[in-house]
C-alpha atoms as a PDB file:
ATOM      1  CA  MET A   1      33.305-126.301-197.261  1.00  0.00           C
ATOM      2  CA  PRO A   2      31.983-125.819-200.858  1.00  0.00           C
ATOM      3  CA  HIS A   3      35.363-126.614-202.443  1.00  0.00           C
ATOM      4  CA  GLU A   4      36.001-129.957-200.669  1.00  0.00           C
ATOM      5  CA  TYR A   5      34.359-133.235-201.946  1.00  0.00           C
ATOM      6  CA  ARG A   6      31.059-134.099-200.352  1.00  0.00           C
ATOM      7  CA  SER A   7      29.279-137.470-200.976  1.00  0.00           C
ATOM      8  CA  ARG A   8      25.721-137.565-201.808  1.00  0.00           C
ATOM      9  CA  THR A   9      25.082-138.878-198.280  1.00  0.00           C
ATOM     10  CA  ASP A  10      26.765-135.875-196.770  1.00  0.00           C
ATOM     11  CA  ILE A  11      24.647-133.516-198.838  1.00  0.00           C
ATOM     12  CA  LEU A  12      21.428-135.281-197.884  1.00  0.00           C
ATOM     13  CA  ALA A  13      22.348-135.231-194.104  1.00  0.00           C
ATOM     14  CA  ASN A  14      23.274-131.530-194.438  1.00  0.00           C
ATOM     15  CA  ILE A  15      19.835-130.736-196.031  1.00  0.00           C
ATOM     16  CA  CYS A  16      17.991-132.739-193.222  1.00  0.00           C
ATOM     17  CA  ASP A  17      20.084-130.839-190.679  1.00  0.00           C
ATOM     18  CA  ILE A  18      19.193-127.474-192.247  1.00  0.00           C
ATOM     19  CA  ALA A  19      15.414-128.366-192.338  1.00  0.00           C
ATOM     20  CA  ASN A  20      15.491-129.803-188.729  1.00  0.00           C
ATOM     21  CA  GLY A  21      13.288-127.987-186.179  1.00  0.00           C
ATOM     22  CA  TYR A  22      10.747-125.533-187.593  1.00  0.00           C
ATOM     23  CA  GLY A  23      11.688-126.325-191.229  1.00  0.00           C
ATOM     24  CA  ALA A  24      13.404-124.216-193.966  1.00  0.00           C
ATOM     25  CA  ASN A  25      12.341-122.835-197.404  1.00  0.00           C
ATOM     26  CA  LYS A  26      14.167-123.718-200.589  1.00  0.00           C
ATOM     27  CA  THR A  27      16.328-120.753-200.529  1.00  0.00           C
ATOM     28  CA  LYS A  28      17.605-121.289-196.980  1.00  0.00           C
ATOM     29  CA  ILE A  29      18.337-124.873-197.865  1.00  0.00           C
ATOM     30  CA  MET A  30      19.983-124.057-201.221  1.00  0.00           C
ATOM     31  CA  TYR A  31      22.355-121.556-199.765  1.00  0.00           C
ATOM     32  CA  GLY A  32      23.012-123.421-196.519  1.00  0.00           C
ATOM     33  CA  ALA A  33      23.949-126.606-198.480  1.00  0.00           C
ATOM     34  CA  TYR A  34      25.801-124.814-201.238  1.00  0.00           C
ATOM     35  CA  LEU A  35      23.638-126.168-203.945  1.00  0.00           C
ATOM     36  CA  SER A  36      22.377-125.067-207.345  1.00  0.00           C
ATOM     37  CA  PHE A  37      18.651-124.781-207.811  1.00  0.00           C
ATOM     38  CA  GLY A  38      18.686-128.001-210.061  1.00  0.00           C
ATOM     39  CA  GLN A  39      20.635-129.899-207.498  1.00  0.00           C
ATOM     40  CA  LEU A  40      18.346-128.817-204.727  1.00  0.00           C
ATOM     41  CA  LYS A  41      15.286-129.997-206.584  1.00  0.00           C
ATOM     42  CA  GLU A  42      16.823-133.401-207.113  1.00  0.00           C
ATOM     43  CA  TYR A  43      17.960-133.780-203.555  1.00  0.00           C
ATOM     44  CA  LEU A  44      14.570-132.636-202.159  1.00  0.00           C
ATOM     45  CA  SER A  45      12.803-135.198-204.252  1.00  0.00           C
ATOM     46  CA  ILE A  46      15.005-137.978-203.114  1.00  0.00           C
ATOM     47  CA  LEU A  47      14.606-136.929-199.448  1.00  0.00           C
ATOM     48  CA  ILE A  48      10.765-136.680-199.721  1.00  0.00           C
ATOM     49  CA  ALA A  49      10.384-139.985-201.621  1.00  0.00           C
ATOM     50  CA  ASN A  50      12.264-141.713-198.897  1.00  0.00           C
ATOM     51  CA  GLY A  51      10.464-140.138-196.010  1.00  0.00           C
ATOM     52  CA  LEU A  52      13.344-138.233-194.517  1.00  0.00           C
ATOM     53  CA  LEU A  53      11.833-134.707-195.374  1.00  0.00           C
ATOM     54  CA  GLU A  54       8.260-133.469-195.563  1.00  0.00           C
ATOM     55  CA  ARG A  55       6.762-130.522-197.299  1.00  0.00           C
ATOM     56  CA  LEU A  56       4.677-128.158-195.383  1.00  0.00           C
ATOM     57  CA  GLU A  57       2.469-126.696-198.208  1.00  0.00           C
ATOM     58  CA  ALA A  58       0.750-124.065-196.206  1.00  0.00           C
ATOM     59  CA  GLU A  59       4.059-122.444-194.985  1.00  0.00           C
ATOM     60  CA  ASN A  60       5.967-123.385-198.059  1.00  0.00           C
ATOM     61  CA  LEU A  61       8.610-125.079-195.954  1.00  0.00           C
ATOM     62  CA  TYR A  62      10.508-128.356-195.735  1.00  0.00           C
ATOM     63  CA  ARG A  63      10.944-130.094-192.412  1.00  0.00           C
ATOM     64  CA  THR A  64      12.941-133.163-191.314  1.00  0.00           C
ATOM     65  CA  THR A  65      10.816-136.058-190.333  1.00  0.00           C
ATOM     66  CA  GLU A  66      11.650-138.496-187.438  1.00  0.00           C
ATOM     67  CA  LYS A  67      13.191-140.870-189.944  1.00  0.00           C
ATOM     68  CA  GLY A  68      15.260-137.891-191.206  1.00  0.00           C
ATOM     69  CA  LYS A  69      16.461-137.189-187.734  1.00  0.00           C
ATOM     70  CA  LYS A  70      17.485-140.861-187.308  1.00  0.00           C
ATOM     71  CA  PHE A  71      19.425-140.465-190.700  1.00  0.00           C
ATOM     72  CA  ILE A  72      21.244-137.315-189.397  1.00  0.00           C
ATOM     73  CA  ARG A  73      22.317-139.290-186.138  1.00  0.00           C
ATOM     74  CA  ALA A  74      23.359-142.371-188.168  1.00  0.00           C
ATOM     75  CA  CYS A  75      25.500-140.159-190.459  1.00  0.00           C
ATOM     76  CA  SER A  76      27.049-138.245-187.543  1.00  0.00           C
ATOM     77  CA  HIS A  77      27.978-141.588-185.849  1.00  0.00           C
ATOM     78  CA  LEU A  78      29.420-142.984-189.034  1.00  0.00           C
ATOM     79  CA  ASP A  79      31.581-139.769-189.420  1.00  0.00           C
ATOM     80  CA  GLU A  80      32.778-140.331-185.798  1.00  0.00           C
ATOM     81  CA  LEU A  81      33.771-143.809-186.547  1.00  0.00           C
ATOM     82  CA  THR A  82      35.390-143.268-189.977  1.00  0.00           C
ATOM     83  CA  GLY A  83      36.744-139.694-189.415  1.00  0.00           C
ATOM     84  CA  PRO A  84      40.237-140.735-188.286  1.00  0.00           C
ATOM     85  CA  LEU A  85      40.438-143.432-190.936  1.00  0.00           C
ATOM     86  CA  PHE A  86      39.628-141.061-193.794  1.00  0.00           C
ATOM     87  CA  ASN A  87      41.739-138.291-192.417  1.00  0.00           C
ATOM     88  CA  ARG A  88      44.820-140.596-192.574  1.00  0.00           C
ATOM     89  CA  LEU A  89      44.115-141.490-196.217  1.00  0.00           C
ATOM     90  CA  SER A  90      44.003-137.855-197.386  1.00  0.00           C
END
């Protein structure tokens, strides 16, 4: 996966998916989403500013909010709808 093109939306949804449930620390998200530390900081700030991710200060974790979970579902649904179309174009 790290060598194929991913849109910003794909990366944001991937981060939300990694942090879903009990949450994840920066290292887990960075390696799970195949990002550099600079990229990770940028994406985390976007997700937090838009209410898709929350930072749990005491545990030093990031966790997906309800809005973030809706975002994951919407991206998944969009992939289902467009997958065959984009596969034919490749």
